[in-house]
């Protein structure tokens, strides 16, 4: 079962990844998992999964807005 601590760690990892950290690590199912910008979608899916298990967050997670110049 997911914990709020796991969710907070995953959200923080996503924040670091979005703001320029090239690699982040998250404990997942008893293993350390490494995420990079190339597999950012996997981290977002993991966060959605945790939110669903905890009954928090939105079911239809919106993607960040993009700026077109």
PDB file of N, CA and C in Angstrom:
ATOM      1  N   UNK A   1       0.835  -1.185   0.000  1.00  0.00           N
ATOM      2  CA  UNK A   1       0.000   0.000   0.000  1.00  0.00           C
ATOM      3  C   UNK A   1       0.876   1.243   0.000  1.00  0.00           C
ATOM      4  N   UNK A   2       0.472   2.206  -0.732  1.00  0.00           N
ATOM      5  CA  UNK A   2       1.219   3.452  -0.865  1.00  0.00           C
ATOM      6  C   UNK A   2       1.127   4.275   0.424  1.00  0.00           C
ATOM      7  N   UNK A   3       2.149   5.080   0.641  1.00  0.00           N
ATOM      8  CA  UNK A   3       2.138   5.990   1.781  1.00  0.00           C
ATOM      9  C   UNK A   3       2.252   7.418   1.283  1.00  0.00           C
ATOM     10  N   UNK A   4       1.826   8.339   2.117  1.00  0.00           N
ATOM     11  CA  UNK A   4       1.927   9.756   1.761  1.00  0.00           C
ATOM     12  C   UNK A   4       3.389  10.160   1.591  1.00  0.00           C
ATOM     13  N   UNK A   5       4.280   9.554   2.352  1.00  0.00           N
ATOM     14  CA  UNK A   5       5.708   9.857   2.221  1.00  0.00           C
ATOM     15  C   UNK A   5       6.215   9.467   0.830  1.00  0.00           C
ATOM     16  N   UNK A   6       5.795   8.301   0.334  1.00  0.00           N
ATOM     17  CA  UNK A   6       6.194   7.876  -1.013  1.00  0.00           C
ATOM     18  C   UNK A   6       5.703   8.867  -2.057  1.00  0.00           C
ATOM     19  N   UNK A   7       4.462   9.315  -1.901  1.00  0.00           N
ATOM     20  CA  UNK A   7       3.892  10.271  -2.847  1.00  0.00           C
ATOM     21  C   UNK A   7       4.675  11.575  -2.814  1.00  0.00           C
ATOM     22  N   UNK A   8       4.972  12.070  -1.624  1.00  0.00           N
ATOM     23  CA  UNK A   8       5.722  13.319  -1.506  1.00  0.00           C
ATOM     24  C   UNK A   8       7.120  13.191  -2.103  1.00  0.00           C
ATOM     25  N   UNK A   9       7.778  12.064  -1.882  1.00  0.00           N
ATOM     26  CA  UNK A   9       9.110  11.842  -2.460  1.00  0.00           C
ATOM     27  C   UNK A   9       9.043  11.794  -3.985  1.00  0.00           C
ATOM     28  N   UNK A  10       8.028  11.141  -4.519  1.00  0.00           N
ATOM     29  CA  UNK A  10       7.879  11.055  -5.974  1.00  0.00           C
ATOM     30  C   UNK A  10       7.591  12.426  -6.575  1.00  0.00           C
ATOM     31  N   UNK A  11       6.733  13.198  -5.914  1.00  0.00           N
ATOM     32  CA  UNK A  11       6.433  14.556  -6.403  1.00  0.00           C
ATOM     33  C   UNK A  11       7.680  15.435  -6.360  1.00  0.00           C
ATOM     34  N   UNK A  12       8.457  15.325  -5.286  1.00  0.00           N
ATOM     35  CA  UNK A  12       9.697  16.100  -5.184  1.00  0.00           C
ATOM     36  C   UNK A  12      10.678  15.693  -6.277  1.00  0.00           C
ATOM     37  N   UNK A  13      10.764  14.400  -6.550  1.00  0.00           N
ATOM     38  CA  UNK A  13      11.645  13.917  -7.615  1.00  0.00           C
ATOM     39  C   UNK A  13      11.221  14.478  -8.963  1.00  0.00           C
ATOM     40  N   UNK A  14       9.915  14.514  -9.225  1.00  0.00           N
ATOM     41  CA  UNK A  14       9.423  15.081 -10.478  1.00  0.00           C
ATOM     42  C   UNK A  14       9.760  16.566 -10.561  1.00  0.00           C
ATOM     43  N   UNK A  15       9.600  17.269  -9.457  1.00  0.00           N
ATOM     44  CA  UNK A  15       9.943  18.695  -9.427  1.00  0.00           C
ATOM     45  C   UNK A  15      11.420  18.895  -9.780  1.00  0.00           C
ATOM     46  N   UNK A  16      12.285  18.098  -9.168  1.00  0.00           N
ATOM     47  CA  UNK A  16      13.720  18.204  -9.463  1.00  0.00           C
ATOM     48  C   UNK A  16      14.005  17.904 -10.926  1.00  0.00           C
ATOM     49  N   UNK A  17      13.345  16.903 -11.457  1.00  0.00           N
ATOM     50  CA  UNK A  17      13.552  16.525 -12.855  1.00  0.00           C
ATOM     51  C   UNK A  17      13.113  17.651 -13.794  1.00  0.00           C
ATOM     52  N   UNK A  18      11.965  18.232 -13.505  1.00  0.00           N
ATOM     53  CA  UNK A  18      11.438  19.310 -14.346  1.00  0.00           C
ATOM     54  C   UNK A  18      12.311  20.552 -14.270  1.00  0.00           C
ATOM     55  N   UNK A  19      12.896  20.807 -13.104  1.00  0.00           N
ATOM     56  CA  UNK A  19      13.681  22.026 -12.929  1.00  0.00           C
ATOM     57  C   UNK A  19      15.160  21.850 -13.234  1.00  0.00           C
ATOM     58  N   UNK A  20      15.505  20.745 -13.919  1.00  0.00           N
ATOM     59  CA  UNK A  20      16.858  20.644 -14.440  1.00  0.00           C
ATOM     60  C   UNK A  20      17.728  19.544 -13.879  1.00  0.00           C
ATOM     61  N   UNK A  21      17.317  18.869 -12.826  1.00  0.00           N
ATOM     62  CA  UNK A  21      18.107  17.741 -12.325  1.00  0.00           C
ATOM     63  C   UNK A  21      18.093  16.668 -13.403  1.00  0.00           C
ATOM     64  N   UNK A  22      19.249  16.170 -13.783  1.00  0.00           N
ATOM     65  CA  UNK A  22      19.293  15.232 -14.900  1.00  0.00           C
ATOM     66  C   UNK A  22      18.836  13.827 -14.516  1.00  0.00           C
ATOM     67  N   UNK A  23      19.007  13.458 -13.255  1.00  0.00           N
ATOM     68  CA  UNK A  23      18.610  12.132 -12.795  1.00  0.00           C
ATOM     69  C   UNK A  23      18.080  12.241 -11.379  1.00  0.00           C
ATOM     70  N   UNK A  24      16.991  11.520 -11.090  1.00  0.00           N
ATOM     71  CA  UNK A  24      16.445  11.460  -9.735  1.00  0.00           C
ATOM     72  C   UNK A  24      16.222  10.000  -9.371  1.00  0.00           C
ATOM     73  N   UNK A  25      16.255   9.717  -8.080  1.00  0.00           N
ATOM     74  CA  UNK A  25      16.054   8.347  -7.601  1.00  0.00           C
ATOM     75  C   UNK A  25      14.898   8.322  -6.622  1.00  0.00           C
ATOM     76  N   UNK A  26      14.066   7.269  -6.743  1.00  0.00           N
ATOM     77  CA  UNK A  26      12.890   7.102  -5.898  1.00  0.00           C
ATOM     78  C   UNK A  26      12.834   5.642  -5.450  1.00  0.00           C
ATOM     79  N   UNK A  27      12.502   5.427  -4.180  1.00  0.00           N
ATOM     80  CA  UNK A  27      12.301   4.063  -3.682  1.00  0.00           C
ATOM     81  C   UNK A  27      10.935   3.594  -4.160  1.00  0.00           C
ATOM     82  N   UNK A  28      10.905   2.483  -4.881  1.00  0.00           N
ATOM     83  CA  UNK A  28       9.648   1.968  -5.437  1.00  0.00           C
ATOM     84  C   UNK A  28       9.612   0.453  -5.296  1.00  0.00           C
ATOM     85  N   UNK A  29       8.608  -0.043  -4.614  1.00  0.00           N
ATOM     86  CA  UNK A  29       8.456  -1.490  -4.397  1.00  0.00           C
ATOM     87  C   UNK A  29       9.718  -2.112  -3.810  1.00  0.00           C
ATOM     88  N   UNK A  30      10.330  -1.410  -2.858  1.00  0.00           N
ATOM     89  CA  UNK A  30      11.516  -1.940  -2.189  1.00  0.00           C
ATOM     90  C   UNK A  30      12.804  -1.818  -2.971  1.00  0.00           C
ATOM     91  N   UNK A  31      12.759  -1.187  -4.146  1.00  0.00           N
ATOM     92  CA  UNK A  31      13.951  -1.022  -4.971  1.00  0.00           C
ATOM     93  C   UNK A  31      14.158   0.457  -5.270  1.00  0.00           C
ATOM     94  N   UNK A  32      15.403   0.838  -5.461  1.00  0.00           N
ATOM     95  CA  UNK A  32      15.717   2.201  -5.859  1.00  0.00           C
ATOM     96  C   UNK A  32      15.594   2.274  -7.373  1.00  0.00           C
ATOM     97  N   UNK A  33      14.741   3.192  -7.853  1.00  0.00           N
ATOM     98  CA  UNK A  33      14.503   3.345  -9.287  1.00  0.00           C
ATOM     99  C   UNK A  33      15.019   4.714  -9.707  1.00  0.00           C
ATOM    100  N   UNK A  34      15.707   4.759 -10.834  1.00  0.00           N
ATOM    101  CA  UNK A  34      16.280   5.998 -11.340  1.00  0.00           C
ATOM    102  C   UNK A  34      15.442   6.502 -12.517  1.00  0.00           C
ATOM    103  N   UNK A  35      15.111   7.789 -12.468  1.00  0.00           N
ATOM    104  CA  UNK A  35      14.351   8.406 -13.551  1.00  0.00           C
ATOM    105  C   UNK A  35      15.196   9.508 -14.184  1.00  0.00           C
ATOM    106  N   UNK A  36      15.074   9.633 -15.492  1.00  0.00           N
ATOM    107  CA  UNK A  36      15.759  10.672 -16.251  1.00  0.00           C
ATOM    108  C   UNK A  36      14.707  11.402 -17.079  1.00  0.00           C
ATOM    109  N   UNK A  37      15.071  12.518 -17.714  1.00  0.00           N
ATOM    110  CA  UNK A  37      14.082  13.185 -18.562  1.00  0.00           C
ATOM    111  C   UNK A  37      13.484  12.259 -19.617  1.00  0.00           C
ATOM    112  N   UNK A  38      14.233  11.264 -20.055  1.00  0.00           N
ATOM    113  CA  UNK A  38      13.731  10.349 -21.076  1.00  0.00           C
ATOM    114  C   UNK A  38      12.578   9.486 -20.575  1.00  0.00           C
ATOM    115  N   UNK A  39      12.520   9.206 -19.279  1.00  0.00           N
ATOM    116  CA  UNK A  39      11.420   8.390 -18.763  1.00  0.00           C
ATOM    117  C   UNK A  39      10.589   9.146 -17.722  1.00  0.00           C
ATOM    118  N   UNK A  40      10.484  10.446 -17.921  1.00  0.00           N
ATOM    119  CA  UNK A  40       9.682  11.300 -17.043  1.00  0.00           C
ATOM    120  C   UNK A  40       8.225  10.833 -16.984  1.00  0.00           C
ATOM    121  N   UNK A  41       7.690  10.384 -18.099  1.00  0.00           N
ATOM    122  CA  UNK A  41       6.299   9.914 -18.147  1.00  0.00           C
ATOM    123  C   UNK A  41       6.093   8.745 -17.178  1.00  0.00           C
ATOM    124  N   UNK A  42       7.091   7.873 -17.033  1.00  0.00           N
ATOM    125  CA  UNK A  42       6.997   6.758 -16.085  1.00  0.00           C
ATOM    126  C   UNK A  42       6.862   7.277 -14.654  1.00  0.00           C
ATOM    127  N   UNK A  43       7.612   8.324 -14.316  1.00  0.00           N
ATOM    128  CA  UNK A  43       7.524   8.918 -12.985  1.00  0.00           C
ATOM    129  C   UNK A  43       6.157   9.557 -12.778  1.00  0.00           C
ATOM    130  N   UNK A  44       5.643  10.239 -13.794  1.00  0.00           N
ATOM    131  CA  UNK A  44       4.306  10.840 -13.690  1.00  0.00           C
ATOM    132  C   UNK A  44       3.245   9.759 -13.505  1.00  0.00           C
ATOM    133  N   UNK A  45       3.394   8.646 -14.197  1.00  0.00           N
ATOM    134  CA  UNK A  45       2.453   7.531 -14.041  1.00  0.00           C
ATOM    135  C   UNK A  45       2.531   6.929 -12.641  1.00  0.00           C
ATOM    136  N   UNK A  46       3.741   6.832 -12.107  1.00  0.00           N
ATOM    137  CA  UNK A  46       3.926   6.318 -10.746  1.00  0.00           C
ATOM    138  C   UNK A  46       3.223   7.230  -9.738  1.00  0.00           C
ATOM    139  N   UNK A  47       3.360   8.539  -9.905  1.00  0.00           N
ATOM    140  CA  UNK A  47       2.694   9.493  -9.019  1.00  0.00           C
ATOM    141  C   UNK A  47       1.184   9.328  -9.117  1.00  0.00           C
ATOM    142  N   UNK A  48       0.669   9.190 -10.317  1.00  0.00           N
ATOM    143  CA  UNK A  48      -0.773   8.985 -10.509  1.00  0.00           C
ATOM    144  C   UNK A  48      -1.223   7.698  -9.820  1.00  0.00           C
ATOM    145  N   UNK A  49      -0.429   6.656  -9.922  1.00  0.00           N
ATOM    146  CA  UNK A  49      -0.740   5.385  -9.266  1.00  0.00           C
ATOM    147  C   UNK A  49      -0.793   5.562  -7.749  1.00  0.00           C
ATOM    148  N   UNK A  50       0.186   6.249  -7.179  1.00  0.00           N
ATOM    149  CA  UNK A  50       0.202   6.493  -5.735  1.00  0.00           C
ATOM    150  C   UNK A  50      -1.005   7.321  -5.317  1.00  0.00           C
ATOM    151  N   UNK A  51      -1.308   8.361  -6.100  1.00  0.00           N
ATOM    152  CA  UNK A  51      -2.472   9.202  -5.788  1.00  0.00           C
ATOM    153  C   UNK A  51      -3.750   8.378  -5.790  1.00  0.00           C
ATOM    154  N   UNK A  52      -3.878   7.469  -6.737  1.00  0.00           N
ATOM    155  CA  UNK A  52      -5.061   6.617  -6.801  1.00  0.00           C
ATOM    156  C   UNK A  52      -5.175   5.708  -5.596  1.00  0.00           C
ATOM    157  N   UNK A  53      -4.059   5.135  -5.166  1.00  0.00           N
ATOM    158  CA  UNK A  53      -4.059   4.256  -4.000  1.00  0.00           C
ATOM    159  C   UNK A  53      -4.387   5.009  -2.720  1.00  0.00           C
ATOM    160  N   UNK A  54      -3.956   6.266  -2.659  1.00  0.00           N
ATOM    161  CA  UNK A  54      -4.185   7.068  -1.463  1.00  0.00           C
ATOM    162  C   UNK A  54      -5.492   7.849  -1.526  1.00  0.00           C
ATOM    163  N   UNK A  55      -6.114   7.896  -2.708  1.00  0.00           N
ATOM    164  CA  UNK A  55      -7.360   8.639  -2.863  1.00  0.00           C
ATOM    165  C   UNK A  55      -7.165  10.141  -2.827  1.00  0.00           C
ATOM    166  N   UNK A  56      -6.021  10.601  -3.310  1.00  0.00           N
ATOM    167  CA  UNK A  56      -5.733  12.042  -3.385  1.00  0.00           C
ATOM    168  C   UNK A  56      -5.395  12.418  -4.812  1.00  0.00           C
ATOM    169  N   UNK A  57      -5.329  13.706  -5.069  1.00  0.00           N
ATOM    170  CA  UNK A  57      -4.985  14.166  -6.412  1.00  0.00           C
ATOM    171  C   UNK A  57      -6.164  14.032  -7.349  1.00  0.00           C
ATOM    172  N   UNK A  58      -5.936  14.375  -8.581  1.00  0.00           N
ATOM    173  CA  UNK A  58      -7.011  14.294  -9.565  1.00  0.00           C
ATOM    174  C   UNK A  58      -6.881  13.012 -10.365  1.00  0.00           C
ATOM    175  N   UNK A  59      -7.978  12.441 -10.736  1.00  0.00           N
ATOM    176  CA  UNK A  59      -7.961  11.229 -11.542  1.00  0.00           C
ATOM    177  C   UNK A  59      -7.461  11.533 -12.951  1.00  0.00           C
ATOM    178  N   UNK A  60      -7.870  12.659 -13.479  1.00  0.00           N
ATOM    179  CA  UNK A  60      -7.439  13.053 -14.822  1.00  0.00           C
ATOM    180  C   UNK A  60      -6.345  14.093 -14.666  1.00  0.00           C
ATOM    181  N   UNK A  61      -5.140  13.640 -14.528  1.00  0.00           N
ATOM    182  CA  UNK A  61      -4.009  14.528 -14.311  1.00  0.00           C
ATOM    183  C   UNK A  61      -3.710  15.310 -15.588  1.00  0.00           C
ATOM    184  N   UNK A  62      -3.664  16.622 -15.456  1.00  0.00           N
ATOM    185  CA  UNK A  62      -3.377  17.446 -16.629  1.00  0.00           C
ATOM    186  C   UNK A  62      -1.889  17.587 -16.800  1.00  0.00           C
ATOM    187  N   UNK A  63      -1.463  17.631 -18.049  1.00  0.00           N
ATOM    188  CA  UNK A  63      -0.064  17.856 -18.363  1.00  0.00           C
ATOM    189  C   UNK A  63       0.263  19.330 -18.177  1.00  0.00           C
ATOM    190  N   UNK A  64       1.507  19.641 -17.875  1.00  0.00           N
ATOM    191  CA  UNK A  64       1.896  21.044 -17.736  1.00  0.00           C
ATOM    192  C   UNK A  64       1.643  21.813 -19.026  1.00  0.00           C
ATOM    193  N   UNK A  65       1.259  23.068 -18.883  1.00  0.00           N
ATOM    194  CA  UNK A  65       1.026  23.917 -20.058  1.00  0.00           C
ATOM    195  C   UNK A  65       2.343  24.178 -20.770  1.00  0.00           C
ATOM    196  N   UNK A  66       2.299  24.270 -22.062  1.00  0.00           N
ATOM    197  CA  UNK A  66       3.491  24.572 -22.846  1.00  0.00           C
ATOM    198  C   UNK A  66       3.383  25.982 -23.386  1.00  0.00           C
ATOM    199  N   UNK A  67       4.501  26.633 -23.486  1.00  0.00           N
ATOM    200  CA  UNK A  67       4.554  27.985 -24.011  1.00  0.00           C
ATOM    201  C   UNK A  67       5.008  27.914 -25.458  1.00  0.00           C
ATOM    202  N   UNK A  68       4.247  28.505 -26.333  1.00  0.00           N
ATOM    203  CA  UNK A  68       4.607  28.553 -27.738  1.00  0.00           C
ATOM    204  C   UNK A  68       4.963  29.993 -28.087  1.00  0.00           C
ATOM    205  N   UNK A  69       6.180  30.167 -28.522  1.00  0.00           N
ATOM    206  CA  UNK A  69       6.634  31.535 -28.823  1.00  0.00           C
ATOM    207  C   UNK A  69       6.761  31.734 -30.303  1.00  0.00           C
TER     208      UNK A  69
END
